[in-house]
Amino acid sequence: MAYQHSAQSEGAWNDRSFLFQMANIGSEIFRALKWQGKDKGIAERAFFRSLELFDLTAGDHKNRARLKEILRSREAWADFFYFDNDYNTTREQWEKYFLEFNYAANNNK
């Protein structure tokens, strides 16, 4: 698999904190939401980058205790953005959830 975040896939991602990882997933999600309905190509690329970061985060051994949250979030995000939104999540919920990680990561420096 060719990673968009190639430096991160080579191990740098695992050196980052969980808060940093989730905040960066949020950045891609914010980007996908921003471009949804405006530019499908940009939105889809950001969506797939977010899935890649979810996968890297799930594969980080220090996140084992959070694996259920990571994978459930990934599933619900994919359902919201690309499928039928069976979980009935909203744009506002995604923004709020990941904004909290952004705040925490910035306050944890």
PDB file of N, CA and C in Angstrom:
ATOM      1  N   MET A   1       0.846  -1.187   0.000  1.00  0.00           N
ATOM      2  CA  MET A   1       0.000   0.000   0.000  1.00  0.00           C
ATOM      3  C   MET A   1       0.885   1.242   0.000  1.00  0.00           C
ATOM      4  N   ALA A   2       0.591   2.178  -0.857  1.00  0.00           N
ATOM      5  CA  ALA A   2       1.340   3.431  -0.918  1.00  0.00           C
ATOM      6  C   ALA A   2       0.686   4.444   0.016  1.00  0.00           C
ATOM      7  N   TYR A   3       1.416   4.831   1.026  1.00  0.00           N
ATOM      8  CA  TYR A   3       0.890   5.783   2.000  1.00  0.00           C
ATOM      9  C   TYR A   3       1.070   7.211   1.521  1.00  0.00           C
ATOM     10  N   GLN A   4       0.055   8.032   1.759  1.00  0.00           N
ATOM     11  CA  GLN A   4       0.175   9.469   1.509  1.00  0.00           C
ATOM     12  C   GLN A   4       1.093  10.090   2.562  1.00  0.00           C
ATOM     13  N   HIS A   5       0.999   9.585   3.774  1.00  0.00           N
ATOM     14  CA  HIS A   5       1.825  10.065   4.884  1.00  0.00           C
ATOM     15  C   HIS A   5       3.012   9.114   5.035  1.00  0.00           C
ATOM     16  N   SER A   6       3.910   9.112   4.032  1.00  0.00           N
ATOM     17  CA  SER A   6       4.968   8.100   3.980  1.00  0.00           C
ATOM     18  C   SER A   6       5.923   8.174   5.166  1.00  0.00           C
ATOM     19  N   ALA A   7       6.301   9.359   5.603  1.00  0.00           N
ATOM     20  CA  ALA A   7       7.200   9.468   6.759  1.00  0.00           C
ATOM     21  C   ALA A   7       6.517   8.926   8.009  1.00  0.00           C
ATOM     22  N   GLN A   8       5.235   9.172   8.133  1.00  0.00           N
ATOM     23  CA  GLN A   8       4.497   8.698   9.294  1.00  0.00           C
ATOM     24  C   GLN A   8       4.380   7.171   9.263  1.00  0.00           C
ATOM     25  N   SER A   9       4.192   6.614   8.085  1.00  0.00           N
ATOM     26  CA  SER A   9       4.013   5.166   7.981  1.00  0.00           C
ATOM     27  C   SER A   9       5.304   4.415   8.263  1.00  0.00           C
ATOM     28  N   GLU A  10       6.429   5.094   8.202  1.00  0.00           N
ATOM     29  CA  GLU A  10       7.721   4.452   8.453  1.00  0.00           C
ATOM     30  C   GLU A  10       8.094   4.468   9.925  1.00  0.00           C
ATOM     31  N   GLY A  11       7.168   4.819  10.796  1.00  0.00           N
ATOM     32  CA  GLY A  11       7.421   4.740  12.219  1.00  0.00           C
ATOM     33  C   GLY A  11       7.344   6.042  12.979  1.00  0.00           C
ATOM     34  N   ALA A  12       7.441   7.171  12.297  1.00  0.00           N
ATOM     35  CA  ALA A  12       7.395   8.458  12.992  1.00  0.00           C
ATOM     36  C   ALA A  12       6.056   8.658  13.703  1.00  0.00           C
ATOM     37  N   TRP A  13       5.003   8.102  13.138  1.00  0.00           N
ATOM     38  CA  TRP A  13       3.664   8.252  13.718  1.00  0.00           C
ATOM     39  C   TRP A  13       3.619   7.668  15.127  1.00  0.00           C
ATOM     40  N   ASN A  14       4.268   6.531  15.309  1.00  0.00           N
ATOM     41  CA  ASN A  14       4.247   5.862  16.605  1.00  0.00           C
ATOM     42  C   ASN A  14       5.009   6.636  17.678  1.00  0.00           C
ATOM     43  N   ASP A  15       5.862   7.561  17.277  1.00  0.00           N
ATOM     44  CA  ASP A  15       6.591   8.398  18.236  1.00  0.00           C
ATOM     45  C   ASP A  15       5.731   9.543  18.747  1.00  0.00           C
ATOM     46  N   ARG A  16       4.603   9.763  18.125  1.00  0.00           N
ATOM     47  CA  ARG A  16       3.706  10.871  18.496  1.00  0.00           C
ATOM     48  C   ARG A  16       2.711  10.423  19.551  1.00  0.00           C
ATOM     49  N   SER A  17       2.211  11.377  20.308  1.00  0.00           N
ATOM     50  CA  SER A  17       1.216  11.070  21.335  1.00  0.00           C
ATOM     51  C   SER A  17      -0.127  10.741  20.695  1.00  0.00           C
ATOM     52  N   PHE A  18      -0.952  10.050  21.449  1.00  0.00           N
ATOM     53  CA  PHE A  18      -2.309   9.750  20.995  1.00  0.00           C
ATOM     54  C   PHE A  18      -3.063  11.041  20.674  1.00  0.00           C
ATOM     55  N   LEU A  19      -2.912  12.057  21.518  1.00  0.00           N
ATOM     56  CA  LEU A  19      -3.603  13.330  21.273  1.00  0.00           C
ATOM     57  C   LEU A  19      -3.154  13.951  19.956  1.00  0.00           C
ATOM     58  N   PHE A  20      -1.857  13.933  19.691  1.00  0.00           N
ATOM     59  CA  PHE A  20      -1.326  14.451  18.432  1.00  0.00           C
ATOM     60  C   PHE A  20      -1.906  13.669  17.257  1.00  0.00           C
ATOM     61  N   GLN A  21      -1.921  12.342  17.378  1.00  0.00           N
ATOM     62  CA  GLN A  21      -2.436  11.500  16.299  1.00  0.00           C
ATOM     63  C   GLN A  21      -3.893  11.826  15.997  1.00  0.00           C
ATOM     64  N   MET A  22      -4.708  11.899  17.038  1.00  0.00           N
ATOM     65  CA  MET A  22      -6.133  12.178  16.829  1.00  0.00           C
ATOM     66  C   MET A  22      -6.360  13.597  16.303  1.00  0.00           C
ATOM     67  N   ALA A  23      -5.572  14.542  16.769  1.00  0.00           N
ATOM     68  CA  ALA A  23      -5.695  15.918  16.264  1.00  0.00           C
ATOM     69  C   ALA A  23      -5.380  15.967  14.771  1.00  0.00           C
ATOM     70  N   ASN A  24      -4.412  15.188  14.330  1.00  0.00           N
ATOM     71  CA  ASN A  24      -4.067  15.167  12.907  1.00  0.00           C
ATOM     72  C   ASN A  24      -5.111  14.448  12.069  1.00  0.00           C
ATOM     73  N   ILE A  25      -5.715  13.416  12.623  1.00  0.00           N
ATOM     74  CA  ILE A  25      -6.854  12.799  11.940  1.00  0.00           C
ATOM     75  C   ILE A  25      -7.944  13.856  11.780  1.00  0.00           C
ATOM     76  N   GLY A  26      -8.170  14.606  12.847  1.00  0.00           N
ATOM     77  CA  GLY A  26      -9.169  15.675  12.811  1.00  0.00           C
ATOM     78  C   GLY A  26      -8.883  16.703  11.740  1.00  0.00           C
ATOM     79  N   SER A  27      -7.616  17.022  11.529  1.00  0.00           N
ATOM     80  CA  SER A  27      -7.262  17.991  10.478  1.00  0.00           C
ATOM     81  C   SER A  27      -7.722  17.513   9.113  1.00  0.00           C
ATOM     82  N   GLU A  28      -7.532  16.228   8.845  1.00  0.00           N
ATOM     83  CA  GLU A  28      -7.992  15.683   7.559  1.00  0.00           C
ATOM     84  C   GLU A  28      -9.515  15.644   7.497  1.00  0.00           C
ATOM     85  N   ILE A  29     -10.140  15.356   8.612  1.00  0.00           N
ATOM     86  CA  ILE A  29     -11.607  15.338   8.648  1.00  0.00           C
ATOM     87  C   ILE A  29     -12.154  16.744   8.432  1.00  0.00           C
ATOM     88  N   PHE A  30     -11.564  17.733   9.091  1.00  0.00           N
ATOM     89  CA  PHE A  30     -12.001  19.122   8.876  1.00  0.00           C
ATOM     90  C   PHE A  30     -11.850  19.508   7.410  1.00  0.00           C
ATOM     91  N   ARG A  31     -10.746  19.092   6.805  1.00  0.00           N
ATOM     92  CA  ARG A  31     -10.502  19.397   5.390  1.00  0.00           C
ATOM     93  C   ARG A  31     -11.556  18.723   4.512  1.00  0.00           C
ATOM     94  N   ALA A  32     -11.856  17.461   4.797  1.00  0.00           N
ATOM     95  CA  ALA A  32     -12.869  16.741   4.009  1.00  0.00           C
ATOM     96  C   ALA A  32     -14.239  17.412   4.147  1.00  0.00           C
ATOM     97  N   LEU A  33     -14.569  17.816   5.369  1.00  0.00           N
ATOM     98  CA  LEU A  33     -15.856  18.484   5.589  1.00  0.00           C
ATOM     99  C   LEU A  33     -15.908  19.839   4.899  1.00  0.00           C
ATOM    100  N   LYS A  34     -14.802  20.559   4.937  1.00  0.00           N
ATOM    101  CA  LYS A  34     -14.752  21.883   4.301  1.00  0.00           C
ATOM    102  C   LYS A  34     -15.027  21.790   2.803  1.00  0.00           C
ATOM    103  N   TRP A  35     -14.477  20.749   2.163  1.00  0.00           N
ATOM    104  CA  TRP A  35     -14.584  20.653   0.709  1.00  0.00           C
ATOM    105  C   TRP A  35     -15.752  19.796   0.238  1.00  0.00           C
ATOM    106  N   GLN A  36     -16.422  19.141   1.184  1.00  0.00           N
ATOM    107  CA  GLN A  36     -17.585  18.330   0.817  1.00  0.00           C
ATOM    108  C   GLN A  36     -18.644  19.233   0.196  1.00  0.00           C
ATOM    109  N   GLY A  37     -19.097  18.890  -0.968  1.00  0.00           N
ATOM    110  CA  GLY A  37     -20.100  19.701  -1.659  1.00  0.00           C
ATOM    111  C   GLY A  37     -19.504  20.823  -2.487  1.00  0.00           C
ATOM    112  N   LYS A  38     -18.180  21.073  -2.343  1.00  0.00           N
ATOM    113  CA  LYS A  38     -17.522  22.120  -3.132  1.00  0.00           C
ATOM    114  C   LYS A  38     -16.603  21.511  -4.182  1.00  0.00           C
ATOM    115  N   ASP A  39     -15.741  20.601  -3.750  1.00  0.00           N
ATOM    116  CA  ASP A  39     -14.798  19.954  -4.656  1.00  0.00           C
ATOM    117  C   ASP A  39     -14.663  18.500  -4.227  1.00  0.00           C
ATOM    118  N   LYS A  40     -15.338  17.625  -4.925  1.00  0.00           N
ATOM    119  CA  LYS A  40     -15.397  16.214  -4.553  1.00  0.00           C
ATOM    120  C   LYS A  40     -14.005  15.584  -4.497  1.00  0.00           C
ATOM    121  N   GLY A  41     -13.138  15.948  -5.412  1.00  0.00           N
ATOM    122  CA  GLY A  41     -11.798  15.366  -5.447  1.00  0.00           C
ATOM    123  C   GLY A  41     -10.986  15.703  -4.210  1.00  0.00           C
ATOM    124  N   ILE A  42     -10.980  16.963  -3.834  1.00  0.00           N
ATOM    125  CA  ILE A  42     -10.240  17.384  -2.642  1.00  0.00           C
ATOM    126  C   ILE A  42     -10.841  16.728  -1.401  1.00  0.00           C
ATOM    127  N   ALA A  43     -12.158  16.707  -1.321  1.00  0.00           N
ATOM    128  CA  ALA A  43     -12.834  16.116  -0.164  1.00  0.00           C
ATOM    129  C   ALA A  43     -12.513  14.622  -0.047  1.00  0.00           C
ATOM    130  N   GLU A  44     -12.564  13.906  -1.154  1.00  0.00           N
ATOM    131  CA  GLU A  44     -12.291  12.468  -1.116  1.00  0.00           C
ATOM    132  C   GLU A  44     -10.840  12.173  -0.769  1.00  0.00           C
ATOM    133  N   ARG A  45      -9.910  12.964  -1.278  1.00  0.00           N
ATOM    134  CA  ARG A  45      -8.504  12.741  -0.936  1.00  0.00           C
ATOM    135  C   ARG A  45      -8.272  12.951   0.558  1.00  0.00           C
ATOM    136  N   ALA A  46      -8.884  13.983   1.122  1.00  0.00           N
ATOM    137  CA  ALA A  46      -8.764  14.225   2.565  1.00  0.00           C
ATOM    138  C   ALA A  46      -9.417  13.084   3.351  1.00  0.00           C
ATOM    139  N   PHE A  47     -10.552  12.599   2.867  1.00  0.00           N
ATOM    140  CA  PHE A  47     -11.224  11.472   3.512  1.00  0.00           C
ATOM    141  C   PHE A  47     -10.307  10.254   3.556  1.00  0.00           C
ATOM    142  N   PHE A  48      -9.692   9.908   2.436  1.00  0.00           N
ATOM    143  CA  PHE A  48      -8.823   8.727   2.398  1.00  0.00           C
ATOM    144  C   PHE A  48      -7.556   8.932   3.229  1.00  0.00           C
ATOM    145  N   ARG A  49      -7.053  10.153   3.288  1.00  0.00           N
ATOM    146  CA  ARG A  49      -5.913  10.423   4.179  1.00  0.00           C
ATOM    147  C   ARG A  49      -6.318  10.245   5.634  1.00  0.00           C
ATOM    148  N   SER A  50      -7.547  10.648   5.977  1.00  0.00           N
ATOM    149  CA  SER A  50      -8.007  10.465   7.355  1.00  0.00           C
ATOM    150  C   SER A  50      -8.091   8.977   7.699  1.00  0.00           C
ATOM    151  N   LEU A  51      -8.570   8.156   6.764  1.00  0.00           N
ATOM    152  CA  LEU A  51      -8.620   6.715   7.014  1.00  0.00           C
ATOM    153  C   LEU A  51      -7.222   6.141   7.200  1.00  0.00           C
ATOM    154  N   GLU A  52      -6.287   6.620   6.410  1.00  0.00           N
ATOM    155  CA  GLU A  52      -4.906   6.177   6.543  1.00  0.00           C
ATOM    156  C   GLU A  52      -4.361   6.498   7.936  1.00  0.00           C
ATOM    157  N   LEU A  53      -4.648   7.697   8.418  1.00  0.00           N
ATOM    158  CA  LEU A  53      -4.176   8.081   9.754  1.00  0.00           C
ATOM    159  C   LEU A  53      -4.899   7.290  10.844  1.00  0.00           C
ATOM    160  N   PHE A  54      -6.180   7.009  10.657  1.00  0.00           N
ATOM    161  CA  PHE A  54      -6.885   6.126  11.592  1.00  0.00           C
ATOM    162  C   PHE A  54      -6.171   4.773  11.657  1.00  0.00           C
ATOM    163  N   ASP A  55      -5.812   4.228  10.496  1.00  0.00           N
ATOM    164  CA  ASP A  55      -5.167   2.918  10.452  1.00  0.00           C
ATOM    165  C   ASP A  55      -3.800   2.946  11.126  1.00  0.00           C
ATOM    166  N   LEU A  56      -3.031   3.991  10.891  1.00  0.00           N
ATOM    167  CA  LEU A  56      -1.727   4.119  11.546  1.00  0.00           C
ATOM    168  C   LEU A  56      -1.892   4.235  13.060  1.00  0.00           C
ATOM    169  N   THR A  57      -2.903   4.970  13.494  1.00  0.00           N
ATOM    170  CA  THR A  57      -3.169   5.137  14.922  1.00  0.00           C
ATOM    171  C   THR A  57      -3.605   3.819  15.546  1.00  0.00           C
ATOM    172  N   ALA A  58      -4.451   3.086  14.848  1.00  0.00           N
ATOM    173  CA  ALA A  58      -4.903   1.786  15.346  1.00  0.00           C
ATOM    174  C   ALA A  58      -3.747   0.794  15.420  1.00  0.00           C
ATOM    175  N   GLY A  59      -2.775   0.930  14.542  1.00  0.00           N
ATOM    176  CA  GLY A  59      -1.631   0.029  14.516  1.00  0.00           C
ATOM    177  C   GLY A  59      -0.542   0.370  15.517  1.00  0.00           C
ATOM    178  N   ASP A  60      -0.669   1.495  16.192  1.00  0.00           N
ATOM    179  CA  ASP A  60       0.324   1.919  17.183  1.00  0.00           C
ATOM    180  C   ASP A  60       0.060   1.163  18.488  1.00  0.00           C
ATOM    181  N   HIS A  61       1.026   0.373  18.935  1.00  0.00           N
ATOM    182  CA  HIS A  61       0.840  -0.500  20.094  1.00  0.00           C
ATOM    183  C   HIS A  61       0.483   0.242  21.374  1.00  0.00           C
ATOM    184  N   LYS A  62       0.916   1.481  21.514  1.00  0.00           N
ATOM    185  CA  LYS A  62       0.595   2.213  22.748  1.00  0.00           C
ATOM    186  C   LYS A  62      -0.889   2.579  22.825  1.00  0.00           C
ATOM    187  N   ASN A  63      -1.603   2.445  21.712  1.00  0.00           N
ATOM    188  CA  ASN A  63      -3.026   2.792  21.678  1.00  0.00           C
ATOM    189  C   ASN A  63      -3.935   1.575  21.846  1.00  0.00           C
ATOM    190  N   ARG A  64      -3.389   0.448  22.263  1.00  0.00           N
ATOM    191  CA  ARG A  64      -4.197  -0.779  22.374  1.00  0.00           C
ATOM    192  C   ARG A  64      -5.433  -0.586  23.251  1.00  0.00           C
ATOM    193  N   ALA A  65      -5.274   0.140  24.347  1.00  0.00           N
ATOM    194  CA  ALA A  65      -6.415   0.336  25.255  1.00  0.00           C
ATOM    195  C   ALA A  65      -7.497   1.209  24.627  1.00  0.00           C
ATOM    196  N   ARG A  66      -7.138   1.950  23.583  1.00  0.00           N
ATOM    197  CA  ARG A  66      -8.086   2.852  22.913  1.00  0.00           C
ATOM    198  C   ARG A  66      -8.532   2.317  21.554  1.00  0.00           C
ATOM    199  N   LEU A  67      -8.157   1.091  21.267  1.00  0.00           N
ATOM    200  CA  LEU A  67      -8.411   0.538  19.935  1.00  0.00           C
ATOM    201  C   LEU A  67      -9.894   0.549  19.571  1.00  0.00           C
ATOM    202  N   LYS A  68     -10.764   0.224  20.521  1.00  0.00           N
ATOM    203  CA  LYS A  68     -12.201   0.206  20.226  1.00  0.00           C
ATOM    204  C   LYS A  68     -12.683   1.603  19.815  1.00  0.00           C
ATOM    205  N   GLU A  69     -12.257   2.627  20.540  1.00  0.00           N
ATOM    206  CA  GLU A  69     -12.654   4.000  20.212  1.00  0.00           C
ATOM    207  C   GLU A  69     -12.133   4.402  18.833  1.00  0.00           C
ATOM    208  N   ILE A  70     -10.884   4.077  18.562  1.00  0.00           N
ATOM    209  CA  ILE A  70     -10.268   4.442  17.281  1.00  0.00           C
ATOM    210  C   ILE A  70     -11.017   3.787  16.123  1.00  0.00           C
ATOM    211  N   LEU A  71     -11.239   2.491  16.235  1.00  0.00           N
ATOM    212  CA  LEU A  71     -11.879   1.765  15.131  1.00  0.00           C
ATOM    213  C   LEU A  71     -13.359   2.095  14.987  1.00  0.00           C
ATOM    214  N   ARG A  72     -14.035   2.326  16.105  1.00  0.00           N
ATOM    215  CA  ARG A  72     -15.444   2.722  16.014  1.00  0.00           C
ATOM    216  C   ARG A  72     -15.557   4.105  15.387  1.00  0.00           C
ATOM    217  N   SER A  73     -14.655   5.007  15.748  1.00  0.00           N
ATOM    218  CA  SER A  73     -14.661   6.352  15.150  1.00  0.00           C
ATOM    219  C   SER A  73     -14.413   6.272  13.655  1.00  0.00           C
ATOM    220  N   ARG A  74     -13.469   5.418  13.262  1.00  0.00           N
ATOM    221  CA  ARG A  74     -13.162   5.241  11.840  1.00  0.00           C
ATOM    222  C   ARG A  74     -14.395   4.727  11.099  1.00  0.00           C
ATOM    223  N   GLU A  75     -15.039   3.726  11.677  1.00  0.00           N
ATOM    224  CA  GLU A  75     -16.230   3.145  11.055  1.00  0.00           C
ATOM    225  C   GLU A  75     -17.347   4.177  10.915  1.00  0.00           C
ATOM    226  N   ALA A  76     -17.604   4.916  11.970  1.00  0.00           N
ATOM    227  CA  ALA A  76     -18.682   5.912  11.940  1.00  0.00           C
ATOM    228  C   ALA A  76     -18.349   7.051  10.980  1.00  0.00           C
ATOM    229  N   TRP A  77     -17.068   7.444  10.915  1.00  0.00           N
ATOM    230  CA  TRP A  77     -16.648   8.505   9.995  1.00  0.00           C
ATOM    231  C   TRP A  77     -16.853   8.056   8.542  1.00  0.00           C
ATOM    232  N   ALA A  78     -16.427   6.828   8.235  1.00  0.00           N
ATOM    233  CA  ALA A  78     -16.614   6.320   6.871  1.00  0.00           C
ATOM    234  C   ALA A  78     -18.105   6.238   6.535  1.00  0.00           C
ATOM    235  N   ASP A  79     -18.899   5.808   7.506  1.00  0.00           N
ATOM    236  CA  ASP A  79     -20.344   5.731   7.305  1.00  0.00           C
ATOM    237  C   ASP A  79     -20.937   7.109   7.041  1.00  0.00           C
ATOM    238  N   PHE A  80     -20.484   8.107   7.790  1.00  0.00           N
ATOM    239  CA  PHE A  80     -20.993   9.473   7.615  1.00  0.00           C
ATOM    240  C   PHE A  80     -20.603  10.039   6.257  1.00  0.00           C
ATOM    241  N   PHE A  81     -19.327   9.947   5.935  1.00  0.00           N
ATOM    242  CA  PHE A  81     -18.823  10.640   4.744  1.00  0.00           C
ATOM    243  C   PHE A  81     -19.139   9.901   3.448  1.00  0.00           C
ATOM    244  N   TYR A  82     -19.036   8.582   3.459  1.00  0.00           N
ATOM    245  CA  TYR A  82     -19.048   7.843   2.197  1.00  0.00           C
ATOM    246  C   TYR A  82     -20.250   6.925   2.020  1.00  0.00           C
ATOM    247  N   PHE A  83     -20.917   6.566   3.121  1.00  0.00           N
ATOM    248  CA  PHE A  83     -21.993   5.585   3.014  1.00  0.00           C
ATOM    249  C   PHE A  83     -23.334   6.206   3.407  1.00  0.00           C
ATOM    250  N   ASP A  84     -24.163   5.491   4.139  1.00  0.00           N
ATOM    251  CA  ASP A  84     -25.545   5.909   4.379  1.00  0.00           C
ATOM    252  C   ASP A  84     -25.786   6.625   5.699  1.00  0.00           C
ATOM    253  N   ASN A  85     -24.750   6.869   6.470  1.00  0.00           N
ATOM    254  CA  ASN A  85     -24.848   7.521   7.777  1.00  0.00           C
ATOM    255  C   ASN A  85     -25.844   6.784   8.681  1.00  0.00           C
ATOM    256  N   ASP A  86     -25.651   5.479   8.772  1.00  0.00           N
ATOM    257  CA  ASP A  86     -26.509   4.658   9.635  1.00  0.00           C
ATOM    258  C   ASP A  86     -26.363   5.027  11.110  1.00  0.00           C
ATOM    259  N   TYR A  87     -25.233   5.612  11.479  1.00  0.00           N
ATOM    260  CA  TYR A  87     -25.020   6.025  12.867  1.00  0.00           C
ATOM    261  C   TYR A  87     -25.666   7.381  13.166  1.00  0.00           C
ATOM    262  N   ASN A  88     -26.187   8.009  12.132  1.00  0.00           N
ATOM    263  CA  ASN A  88     -26.869   9.304  12.272  1.00  0.00           C
ATOM    264  C   ASN A  88     -25.995  10.365  12.932  1.00  0.00           C
ATOM    265  N   THR A  89     -24.723  10.419  12.552  1.00  0.00           N
ATOM    266  CA  THR A  89     -23.859  11.461  13.077  1.00  0.00           C
ATOM    267  C   THR A  89     -24.019  12.721  12.235  1.00  0.00           C
ATOM    268  N   THR A  90     -23.591  13.829  12.789  1.00  0.00           N
ATOM    269  CA  THR A  90     -23.693  15.110  12.094  1.00  0.00           C
ATOM    270  C   THR A  90     -22.312  15.724  11.917  1.00  0.00           C
ATOM    271  N   ARG A  91     -22.251  16.630  11.014  1.00  0.00           N
ATOM    272  CA  ARG A  91     -21.026  17.395  10.782  1.00  0.00           C
ATOM    273  C   ARG A  91     -20.555  18.067  12.073  1.00  0.00           C
ATOM    274  N   GLU A  92     -21.509  18.635  12.798  1.00  0.00           N
ATOM    275  CA  GLU A  92     -21.184  19.326  14.040  1.00  0.00           C
ATOM    276  C   GLU A  92     -20.589  18.371  15.067  1.00  0.00           C
ATOM    277  N   GLN A  93     -21.090  17.150  15.147  1.00  0.00           N
ATOM    278  CA  GLN A  93     -20.536  16.165  16.074  1.00  0.00           C
ATOM    279  C   GLN A  93     -19.098  15.815  15.726  1.00  0.00           C
ATOM    280  N   TRP A  94     -18.806  15.666  14.429  1.00  0.00           N
ATOM    281  CA  TRP A  94     -17.437  15.358  14.021  1.00  0.00           C
ATOM    282  C   TRP A  94     -16.505  16.513  14.333  1.00  0.00           C
ATOM    283  N   GLU A  95     -16.965  17.715  14.064  1.00  0.00           N
ATOM    284  CA  GLU A  95     -16.130  18.885  14.354  1.00  0.00           C
ATOM    285  C   GLU A  95     -15.858  18.997  15.848  1.00  0.00           C
ATOM    286  N   LYS A  96     -16.877  18.818  16.669  1.00  0.00           N
ATOM    287  CA  LYS A  96     -16.719  18.937  18.118  1.00  0.00           C
ATOM    288  C   LYS A  96     -15.796  17.847  18.661  1.00  0.00           C
ATOM    289  N   TYR A  97     -15.993  16.616  18.236  1.00  0.00           N
ATOM    290  CA  TYR A  97     -15.192  15.496  18.720  1.00  0.00           C
ATOM    291  C   TYR A  97     -13.705  15.724  18.444  1.00  0.00           C
ATOM    292  N   PHE A  98     -13.377  16.106  17.225  1.00  0.00           N
ATOM    293  CA  PHE A  98     -11.967  16.247  16.884  1.00  0.00           C
ATOM    294  C   PHE A  98     -11.380  17.584  17.316  1.00  0.00           C
ATOM    295  N   LEU A  99     -12.191  18.590  17.473  1.00  0.00           N
ATOM    296  CA  LEU A  99     -11.692  19.859  17.996  1.00  0.00           C
ATOM    297  C   LEU A  99     -11.189  19.685  19.423  1.00  0.00           C
ATOM    298  N   GLU A 100     -11.826  18.820  20.180  1.00  0.00           N
ATOM    299  CA  GLU A 100     -11.375  18.543  21.551  1.00  0.00           C
ATOM    300  C   GLU A 100      -9.957  17.962  21.547  1.00  0.00           C
ATOM    301  N   PHE A 101      -9.650  17.090  20.608  1.00  0.00           N
ATOM    302  CA  PHE A 101      -8.300  16.540  20.507  1.00  0.00           C
ATOM    303  C   PHE A 101      -7.300  17.623  20.116  1.00  0.00           C
ATOM    304  N   ASN A 102      -7.730  18.518  19.249  1.00  0.00           N
ATOM    305  CA  ASN A 102      -6.862  19.624  18.846  1.00  0.00           C
ATOM    306  C   ASN A 102      -6.498  20.487  20.045  1.00  0.00           C
ATOM    307  N   TYR A 103      -7.490  20.851  20.841  1.00  0.00           N
ATOM    308  CA  TYR A 103      -7.247  21.651  22.052  1.00  0.00           C
ATOM    309  C   TYR A 103      -6.325  20.921  23.014  1.00  0.00           C
ATOM    310  N   ALA A 104      -6.624  19.645  23.242  1.00  0.00           N
ATOM    311  CA  ALA A 104      -5.828  18.863  24.196  1.00  0.00           C
ATOM    312  C   ALA A 104      -4.394  18.705  23.719  1.00  0.00           C
ATOM    313  N   ALA A 105      -4.198  18.444  22.441  1.00  0.00           N
ATOM    314  CA  ALA A 105      -2.838  18.277  21.909  1.00  0.00           C
ATOM    315  C   ALA A 105      -2.053  19.575  22.031  1.00  0.00           C
ATOM    316  N   ASN A 106      -2.703  20.706  21.763  1.00  0.00           N
ATOM    317  CA  ASN A 106      -2.004  21.987  21.865  1.00  0.00           C
ATOM    318  C   ASN A 106      -1.706  22.363  23.310  1.00  0.00           C
ATOM    319  N   ASN A 107      -2.546  21.955  24.240  1.00  0.00           N
ATOM    320  CA  ASN A 107      -2.315  22.263  25.644  1.00  0.00           C
ATOM    321  C   ASN A 107      -1.349  21.286  26.295  1.00  0.00           C
ATOM    322  N   ASN A 108      -1.064  20.179  25.611  1.00  0.00           N
ATOM    323  CA  ASN A 108      -0.207  19.136  26.160  1.00  0.00           C
ATOM    324  C   ASN A 108       1.234  19.256  25.664  1.00  0.00           C
ATOM    325  N   LYS A 109       1.569  20.316  24.986  1.00  0.00           N
ATOM    326  CA  LYS A 109       2.933  20.486  24.433  1.00  0.00           C
ATOM    327  C   LYS A 109       3.898  20.844  25.520  1.00  0.00           C
TER     328      LYS A 109
END
